[in-house]
Amino acid sequence: MRSLFLLAILAAAFNVHGASKCRNGGRILYLDDVCPPGYTDITSGQGGSVSVIGKSAEVKQQEQAFLQERRVSELQYQAQLAQEQRQLVAAENNRQGVCSAIDGQVRAVEIQMRQINGWQFMDQLKRTHRQLRDQQFQLGCGR
């Protein structure tokens, strides 16, 4: 009987320092006090307690410094991405310009090959044509 009495006292003391879970329809409140009017206490007896620990000024300052570093880091990262994107666009434009120039050279060689030429000049045109086509393939022209 005595242990039952002690258990009841401990349970009452636990509810004083513990958190209350209160329900009103679909709404649920978690309080460190009794439930307000209109709310039903649905706290389970086995539940733990909720503690709210405030942050010291030093911790808040450290958090703000960390967040500031993250913002600076993010801005640097975004600037780096933008620079890389500009470089990729410039490289692609340059590649397209080179491909266009090679294409013009290929057409000029093909036109010359259709003309009546000596066999030595024709061999030179074939070699030049092959080299230009190889360059186009290496650069990925026509894709």
N, C-alpha and C. Protein backbone atom coordinates (compact mmCIF):
# COMPACT_ATOMS: atom_id res chain seq x y z
N MET A 1 0.83 -1.19 0.00
CA MET A 1 0.00 0.00 0.00
C MET A 1 0.87 1.25 0.00
N ARG A 2 1.93 1.16 0.78
CA ARG A 2 2.82 2.31 0.89
C ARG A 2 3.49 2.59 -0.46
N SER A 3 3.91 1.53 -1.19
CA SER A 3 4.57 1.73 -2.49
C SER A 3 3.58 2.30 -3.51
N LEU A 4 2.32 1.93 -3.41
CA LEU A 4 1.31 2.48 -4.30
C LEU A 4 1.13 3.97 -4.05
N PHE A 5 1.17 4.36 -2.78
CA PHE A 5 1.05 5.77 -2.42
C PHE A 5 2.25 6.57 -2.97
N LEU A 6 3.46 6.01 -2.84
CA LEU A 6 4.66 6.68 -3.36
C LEU A 6 4.61 6.80 -4.89
N LEU A 7 4.10 5.76 -5.52
CA LEU A 7 3.98 5.78 -6.97
C LEU A 7 3.00 6.87 -7.42
N ALA A 8 1.90 7.04 -6.70
CA ALA A 8 0.93 8.08 -7.02
C ALA A 8 1.54 9.47 -6.84
N ILE A 9 2.32 9.65 -5.79
CA ILE A 9 2.98 10.94 -5.56
C ILE A 9 3.99 11.23 -6.67
N LEU A 10 4.76 10.22 -7.07
CA LEU A 10 5.74 10.40 -8.15
C LEU A 10 5.04 10.73 -9.47
N ALA A 11 3.93 10.08 -9.74
CA ALA A 11 3.20 10.34 -10.98
C ALA A 11 2.67 11.78 -10.98
N ALA A 12 2.17 12.24 -9.84
CA ALA A 12 1.68 13.61 -9.75
C ALA A 12 2.83 14.60 -9.93
N ALA A 13 3.96 14.31 -9.33
CA ALA A 13 5.13 15.19 -9.48
C ALA A 13 5.63 15.18 -10.92
N PHE A 14 5.56 14.04 -11.57
CA PHE A 14 6.01 13.92 -12.96
C PHE A 14 5.16 14.79 -13.88
N ASN A 15 3.85 14.81 -13.68
CA ASN A 15 2.97 15.62 -14.52
C ASN A 15 3.19 17.11 -14.29
N VAL A 16 3.63 17.50 -13.11
CA VAL A 16 3.90 18.90 -12.84
C VAL A 16 5.08 19.37 -13.68
N HIS A 17 6.12 18.53 -13.79
CA HIS A 17 7.33 18.92 -14.51
C HIS A 17 7.34 18.45 -15.96
N GLY A 18 6.41 17.60 -16.35
CA GLY A 18 6.41 17.05 -17.70
C GLY A 18 5.63 17.91 -18.66
N ALA A 19 5.51 17.43 -19.86
CA ALA A 19 4.76 18.13 -20.89
C ALA A 19 3.36 17.54 -20.99
N SER A 20 2.43 18.39 -21.37
CA SER A 20 1.05 17.94 -21.56
C SER A 20 0.73 17.96 -23.05
N LYS A 21 0.03 16.93 -23.48
CA LYS A 21 -0.42 16.86 -24.86
C LYS A 21 -1.93 17.07 -24.82
N CYS A 22 -2.39 18.16 -25.47
CA CYS A 22 -3.79 18.54 -25.40
C CYS A 22 -4.40 18.51 -26.80
N ARG A 23 -5.66 18.03 -26.88
CA ARG A 23 -6.33 17.91 -28.17
C ARG A 23 -7.66 18.66 -28.13
N ASN A 24 -7.95 19.34 -29.26
CA ASN A 24 -9.24 19.98 -29.47
C ASN A 24 -9.59 19.71 -30.92
N GLY A 25 -10.40 18.70 -31.18
CA GLY A 25 -10.73 18.33 -32.54
C GLY A 25 -9.48 17.79 -33.24
N GLY A 26 -9.06 18.45 -34.32
CA GLY A 26 -7.87 18.02 -35.05
C GLY A 26 -6.60 18.72 -34.60
N ARG A 27 -6.73 19.64 -33.67
CA ARG A 27 -5.57 20.39 -33.21
C ARG A 27 -4.95 19.74 -31.98
N ILE A 28 -3.62 19.76 -31.96
CA ILE A 28 -2.90 19.21 -30.81
C ILE A 28 -1.91 20.26 -30.33
N LEU A 29 -1.91 20.49 -29.01
CA LEU A 29 -0.97 21.41 -28.38
C LEU A 29 -0.06 20.64 -27.45
N TYR A 30 1.19 21.04 -27.40
CA TYR A 30 2.14 20.50 -26.44
C TYR A 30 2.50 21.64 -25.50
N LEU A 31 2.19 21.47 -24.23
CA LEU A 31 2.40 22.53 -23.25
C LEU A 31 3.16 21.99 -22.05
N ASP A 32 3.79 22.90 -21.32
CA ASP A 32 4.40 22.50 -20.07
C ASP A 32 3.52 22.92 -18.90
N ASP A 33 2.24 23.09 -19.18
CA ASP A 33 1.26 23.49 -18.18
C ASP A 33 0.00 22.66 -18.41
N VAL A 34 -1.06 22.94 -17.68
CA VAL A 34 -2.31 22.21 -17.87
C VAL A 34 -2.95 22.65 -19.18
N CYS A 35 -3.83 21.82 -19.70
CA CYS A 35 -4.49 22.12 -20.97
C CYS A 35 -5.44 23.30 -20.81
N PRO A 36 -5.54 24.18 -21.81
CA PRO A 36 -6.46 25.31 -21.73
C PRO A 36 -7.91 24.84 -21.88
N PRO A 37 -8.88 25.70 -21.56
CA PRO A 37 -10.28 25.32 -21.69
C PRO A 37 -10.61 24.94 -23.13
N GLY A 38 -11.40 23.88 -23.30
CA GLY A 38 -11.78 23.40 -24.61
C GLY A 38 -10.85 22.31 -25.14
N TYR A 39 -9.72 22.10 -24.50
CA TYR A 39 -8.76 21.07 -24.91
C TYR A 39 -8.80 19.93 -23.91
N THR A 40 -8.61 18.71 -24.40
CA THR A 40 -8.60 17.52 -23.57
C THR A 40 -7.17 17.03 -23.41
N ASP A 41 -6.80 16.71 -22.18
CA ASP A 41 -5.45 16.20 -21.91
C ASP A 41 -5.37 14.76 -22.40
N ILE A 42 -4.49 14.49 -23.35
CA ILE A 42 -4.33 13.13 -23.87
C ILE A 42 -2.90 12.64 -23.62
N THR A 43 -2.25 13.21 -22.62
CA THR A 43 -0.89 12.81 -22.29
C THR A 43 -0.88 11.38 -21.80
N SER A 44 0.02 10.58 -22.36
CA SER A 44 0.12 9.20 -21.90
C SER A 44 0.98 9.18 -20.64
N GLY A 45 0.68 8.27 -19.77
CA GLY A 45 1.41 8.14 -18.52
C GLY A 45 2.85 7.70 -18.72
N GLN A 46 3.13 7.01 -19.81
CA GLN A 46 4.47 6.50 -20.06
C GLN A 46 5.37 7.52 -20.76
N GLY A 47 4.81 8.65 -21.17
CA GLY A 47 5.58 9.62 -21.96
C GLY A 47 6.73 10.23 -21.20
N GLY A 48 7.67 10.74 -21.92
CA GLY A 48 8.82 11.39 -21.31
C GLY A 48 8.53 12.85 -21.08
N SER A 49 9.54 13.56 -20.67
CA SER A 49 9.37 14.98 -20.44
C SER A 49 10.05 15.75 -21.57
N VAL A 50 9.59 16.94 -21.80
CA VAL A 50 10.15 17.79 -22.84
C VAL A 50 10.90 18.92 -22.15
N SER A 51 12.12 19.11 -22.53
CA SER A 51 12.92 20.19 -21.96
C SER A 51 13.28 21.17 -23.07
N VAL A 52 13.17 22.41 -22.76
CA VAL A 52 13.58 23.45 -23.70
C VAL A 52 14.76 24.16 -23.07
N ILE A 53 15.88 24.07 -23.75
CA ILE A 53 17.08 24.70 -23.23
C ILE A 53 17.40 25.89 -24.10
N GLY A 54 17.53 27.02 -23.51
CA GLY A 54 17.87 28.22 -24.26
C GLY A 54 19.31 28.19 -24.72
N LYS A 55 19.59 28.94 -25.76
CA LYS A 55 20.95 29.00 -26.29
C LYS A 55 21.68 30.18 -25.67
N SER A 56 22.91 29.96 -25.35
CA SER A 56 23.71 31.05 -24.80
C SER A 56 24.06 32.03 -25.92
N ALA A 57 24.49 33.20 -25.53
CA ALA A 57 24.87 34.22 -26.51
C ALA A 57 26.03 33.72 -27.37
N GLU A 58 26.94 32.98 -26.77
CA GLU A 58 28.09 32.45 -27.52
C GLU A 58 27.63 31.45 -28.58
N VAL A 59 26.69 30.58 -28.23
CA VAL A 59 26.18 29.60 -29.18
C VAL A 59 25.45 30.31 -30.32
N LYS A 60 24.63 31.30 -29.97
CA LYS A 60 23.93 32.06 -31.01
C LYS A 60 24.91 32.75 -31.95
N GLN A 61 25.98 33.31 -31.38
CA GLN A 61 27.00 33.97 -32.19
C GLN A 61 27.70 32.97 -33.10
N GLN A 62 28.00 31.78 -32.58
CA GLN A 62 28.63 30.74 -33.39
C GLN A 62 27.70 30.31 -34.53
N GLU A 63 26.42 30.17 -34.23
CA GLU A 63 25.46 29.80 -35.26
C GLU A 63 25.38 30.86 -36.35
N GLN A 64 25.34 32.13 -35.95
CA GLN A 64 25.28 33.21 -36.93
C GLN A 64 26.55 33.25 -37.78
N ALA A 65 27.70 33.02 -37.16
CA ALA A 65 28.96 32.99 -37.92
C ALA A 65 28.95 31.84 -38.92
N PHE A 66 28.46 30.69 -38.47
CA PHE A 66 28.38 29.52 -39.36
C PHE A 66 27.45 29.81 -40.54
N LEU A 67 26.27 30.38 -40.24
CA LEU A 67 25.31 30.69 -41.31
C LEU A 67 25.87 31.73 -42.28
N GLN A 68 26.61 32.70 -41.76
CA GLN A 68 27.23 33.70 -42.63
C GLN A 68 28.27 33.05 -43.52
N GLU A 69 29.07 32.15 -42.96
CA GLU A 69 30.07 31.42 -43.76
C GLU A 69 29.38 30.60 -44.84
N ARG A 70 28.26 29.98 -44.50
CA ARG A 70 27.52 29.19 -45.49
C ARG A 70 26.99 30.08 -46.62
N ARG A 71 26.49 31.26 -46.27
CA ARG A 71 25.99 32.18 -47.30
C ARG A 71 27.12 32.61 -48.23
N VAL A 72 28.27 32.97 -47.64
CA VAL A 72 29.42 33.38 -48.45
C VAL A 72 29.87 32.23 -49.33
N SER A 73 29.93 31.03 -48.75
CA SER A 73 30.34 29.85 -49.51
C SER A 73 29.37 29.59 -50.66
N GLU A 74 28.09 29.71 -50.41
CA GLU A 74 27.08 29.49 -51.44
C GLU A 74 27.20 30.53 -52.56
N LEU A 75 27.44 31.78 -52.19
CA LEU A 75 27.61 32.82 -53.20
C LEU A 75 28.85 32.56 -54.05
N GLN A 76 29.93 32.12 -53.41
CA GLN A 76 31.15 31.80 -54.16
C GLN A 76 30.90 30.63 -55.11
N TYR A 77 30.18 29.63 -54.62
CA TYR A 77 29.87 28.46 -55.44
C TYR A 77 29.02 28.85 -56.64
N GLN A 78 28.01 29.69 -56.42
CA GLN A 78 27.15 30.14 -57.52
C GLN A 78 27.95 30.96 -58.53
N ALA A 79 28.87 31.80 -58.05
CA ALA A 79 29.71 32.58 -58.96
C ALA A 79 30.62 31.67 -59.78
N GLN A 80 31.15 30.63 -59.13
CA GLN A 80 32.00 29.68 -59.83
C GLN A 80 31.20 28.93 -60.90
N LEU A 81 29.99 28.50 -60.56
CA LEU A 81 29.14 27.83 -61.54
C LEU A 81 28.82 28.73 -62.73
N ALA A 82 28.53 30.00 -62.45
CA ALA A 82 28.23 30.93 -63.53
C ALA A 82 29.45 31.12 -64.43
N GLN A 83 30.65 31.22 -63.83
CA GLN A 83 31.87 31.37 -64.62
C GLN A 83 32.11 30.14 -65.49
N GLU A 84 31.93 28.96 -64.91
CA GLU A 84 32.11 27.72 -65.67
C GLU A 84 31.10 27.64 -66.82
N GLN A 85 29.87 28.08 -66.56
CA GLN A 85 28.85 28.06 -67.60
C GLN A 85 29.23 29.00 -68.74
N ARG A 86 29.74 30.19 -68.39
CA ARG A 86 30.18 31.13 -69.43
C ARG A 86 31.33 30.54 -70.24
N GLN A 87 32.25 29.86 -69.56
CA GLN A 87 33.38 29.24 -70.26
C GLN A 87 32.90 28.13 -71.20
N LEU A 88 31.94 27.34 -70.74
CA LEU A 88 31.40 26.28 -71.59
C LEU A 88 30.72 26.85 -72.83
N VAL A 89 29.96 27.90 -72.64
CA VAL A 89 29.28 28.54 -73.77
C VAL A 89 30.30 29.10 -74.75
N ALA A 90 31.35 29.75 -74.22
CA ALA A 90 32.39 30.31 -75.09
C ALA A 90 33.12 29.20 -75.85
N ALA A 91 33.42 28.10 -75.15
CA ALA A 91 34.11 26.98 -75.81
C ALA A 91 33.23 26.37 -76.90
N GLU A 92 31.93 26.24 -76.62
CA GLU A 92 31.01 25.68 -77.62
C GLU A 92 30.89 26.61 -78.82
N ASN A 93 30.81 27.91 -78.56
CA ASN A 93 30.76 28.87 -79.68
C ASN A 93 32.04 28.80 -80.50
N ASN A 94 33.18 28.68 -79.83
CA ASN A 94 34.46 28.57 -80.53
C ASN A 94 34.50 27.29 -81.37
N ARG A 95 34.05 26.19 -80.79
CA ARG A 95 34.04 24.91 -81.52
C ARG A 95 33.14 25.01 -82.74
N GLN A 96 31.99 25.63 -82.58
CA GLN A 96 31.08 25.78 -83.72
C GLN A 96 31.69 26.65 -84.81
N GLY A 97 32.43 27.68 -84.40
CA GLY A 97 33.10 28.53 -85.38
C GLY A 97 34.17 27.76 -86.15
N VAL A 98 34.96 26.96 -85.43
CA VAL A 98 36.00 26.14 -86.07
C VAL A 98 35.35 25.12 -87.00
N CYS A 99 34.28 24.49 -86.54
CA CYS A 99 33.57 23.50 -87.38
C CYS A 99 33.04 24.15 -88.66
N SER A 100 32.51 25.34 -88.52
CA SER A 100 31.99 26.04 -89.69
C SER A 100 33.11 26.37 -90.68
N ALA A 101 34.26 26.78 -90.15
CA ALA A 101 35.40 27.10 -91.02
C ALA A 101 35.90 25.84 -91.74
N ILE A 102 36.00 24.73 -91.00
CA ILE A 102 36.45 23.47 -91.61
C ILE A 102 35.45 23.03 -92.67
N ASP A 103 34.16 23.19 -92.38
CA ASP A 103 33.13 22.81 -93.35
C ASP A 103 33.29 23.61 -94.65
N GLY A 104 33.59 24.88 -94.53
CA GLY A 104 33.83 25.70 -95.72
C GLY A 104 35.04 25.22 -96.50
N GLN A 105 36.10 24.83 -95.78
CA GLN A 105 37.30 24.31 -96.45
C GLN A 105 37.00 22.99 -97.16
N VAL A 106 36.22 22.13 -96.51
CA VAL A 106 35.86 20.84 -97.12
C VAL A 106 35.10 21.07 -98.41
N ARG A 107 34.13 21.99 -98.39
CA ARG A 107 33.36 22.28 -99.60
C ARG A 107 34.26 22.83 -100.72
N ALA A 108 35.20 23.69 -100.35
CA ALA A 108 36.11 24.25 -101.36
C ALA A 108 36.99 23.15 -101.97
N VAL A 109 37.48 22.22 -101.14
CA VAL A 109 38.31 21.11 -101.64
C VAL A 109 37.47 20.21 -102.54
N GLU A 110 36.22 19.94 -102.13
CA GLU A 110 35.36 19.08 -102.95
C GLU A 110 35.06 19.73 -104.30
N ILE A 111 34.89 21.03 -104.32
CA ILE A 111 34.67 21.73 -105.60
C ILE A 111 35.90 21.61 -106.48
N GLN A 112 37.09 21.78 -105.88
CA GLN A 112 38.33 21.64 -106.66
C GLN A 112 38.51 20.22 -107.18
N MET A 113 38.06 19.24 -106.39
CA MET A 113 38.20 17.84 -106.81
C MET A 113 37.32 17.54 -108.02
N ARG A 114 36.25 18.29 -108.21
CA ARG A 114 35.37 18.06 -109.35
C ARG A 114 35.96 18.64 -110.65
N GLN A 115 36.96 19.47 -110.51
CA GLN A 115 37.61 20.07 -111.68
C GLN A 115 38.60 19.06 -112.29
N ILE A 116 38.99 19.32 -113.49
CA ILE A 116 39.99 18.48 -114.14
C ILE A 116 41.35 18.92 -113.61
N ASN A 117 42.05 18.00 -112.95
CA ASN A 117 43.33 18.29 -112.32
C ASN A 117 44.31 17.18 -112.67
N GLY A 118 45.59 17.49 -112.48
CA GLY A 118 46.62 16.47 -112.64
C GLY A 118 46.54 15.49 -111.48
N TRP A 119 47.09 14.28 -111.68
CA TRP A 119 46.95 13.24 -110.65
C TRP A 119 47.68 13.60 -109.37
N GLN A 120 48.82 14.34 -109.46
CA GLN A 120 49.53 14.73 -108.23
C GLN A 120 48.69 15.74 -107.42
N PHE A 121 48.09 16.70 -108.11
CA PHE A 121 47.26 17.68 -107.43
C PHE A 121 46.01 17.00 -106.85
N MET A 122 45.49 16.02 -107.57
CA MET A 122 44.32 15.28 -107.10
C MET A 122 44.66 14.50 -105.83
N ASP A 123 45.85 13.88 -105.77
CA ASP A 123 46.28 13.17 -104.56
C ASP A 123 46.39 14.14 -103.38
N GLN A 124 46.93 15.32 -103.64
CA GLN A 124 47.05 16.34 -102.59
C GLN A 124 45.66 16.76 -102.10
N LEU A 125 44.71 16.95 -103.00
CA LEU A 125 43.34 17.31 -102.60
C LEU A 125 42.69 16.21 -101.77
N LYS A 126 42.93 14.94 -102.13
CA LYS A 126 42.36 13.82 -101.37
C LYS A 126 42.93 13.79 -99.95
N ARG A 127 44.27 14.01 -99.83
CA ARG A 127 44.89 14.03 -98.49
C ARG A 127 44.33 15.19 -97.66
N THR A 128 44.22 16.35 -98.29
CA THR A 128 43.67 17.52 -97.59
C THR A 128 42.22 17.26 -97.16
N HIS A 129 41.45 16.67 -98.05
CA HIS A 129 40.05 16.35 -97.75
C HIS A 129 39.97 15.38 -96.57
N ARG A 130 40.81 14.35 -96.56
CA ARG A 130 40.82 13.36 -95.47
C ARG A 130 41.21 14.03 -94.15
N GLN A 131 42.23 14.91 -94.17
CA GLN A 131 42.66 15.61 -92.96
C GLN A 131 41.54 16.50 -92.40
N LEU A 132 40.86 17.19 -93.28
CA LEU A 132 39.75 18.05 -92.84
C LEU A 132 38.62 17.23 -92.23
N ARG A 133 38.29 16.10 -92.85
CA ARG A 133 37.24 15.22 -92.30
C ARG A 133 37.67 14.65 -90.95
N ASP A 134 38.95 14.32 -90.80
CA ASP A 134 39.45 13.83 -89.51
C ASP A 134 39.32 14.90 -88.43
N GLN A 135 39.64 16.14 -88.79
CA GLN A 135 39.49 17.24 -87.83
C GLN A 135 38.03 17.41 -87.43
N GLN A 136 37.14 17.31 -88.40
CA GLN A 136 35.71 17.42 -88.09
C GLN A 136 35.29 16.33 -87.11
N PHE A 137 35.76 15.12 -87.33
CA PHE A 137 35.40 14.01 -86.45
C PHE A 137 35.96 14.23 -85.05
N GLN A 138 37.22 14.67 -84.96
CA GLN A 138 37.85 14.88 -83.65
C GLN A 138 37.15 15.98 -82.86
N LEU A 139 36.69 17.00 -83.55
CA LEU A 139 36.00 18.10 -82.87
C LEU A 139 34.53 17.81 -82.60
N GLY A 140 34.02 16.74 -83.19
CA GLY A 140 32.60 16.42 -83.00
C GLY A 140 31.69 17.31 -83.81
N CYS A 141 32.18 17.77 -84.94
CA CYS A 141 31.36 18.63 -85.81
C CYS A 141 30.23 17.80 -86.42
N GLY A 142 29.11 18.44 -86.64
CA GLY A 142 27.98 17.76 -87.26
C GLY A 142 27.12 17.00 -86.27
N ARG A 143 27.40 17.14 -84.98
CA ARG A 143 26.57 16.47 -83.97
C ARG A 143 25.55 17.41 -83.42
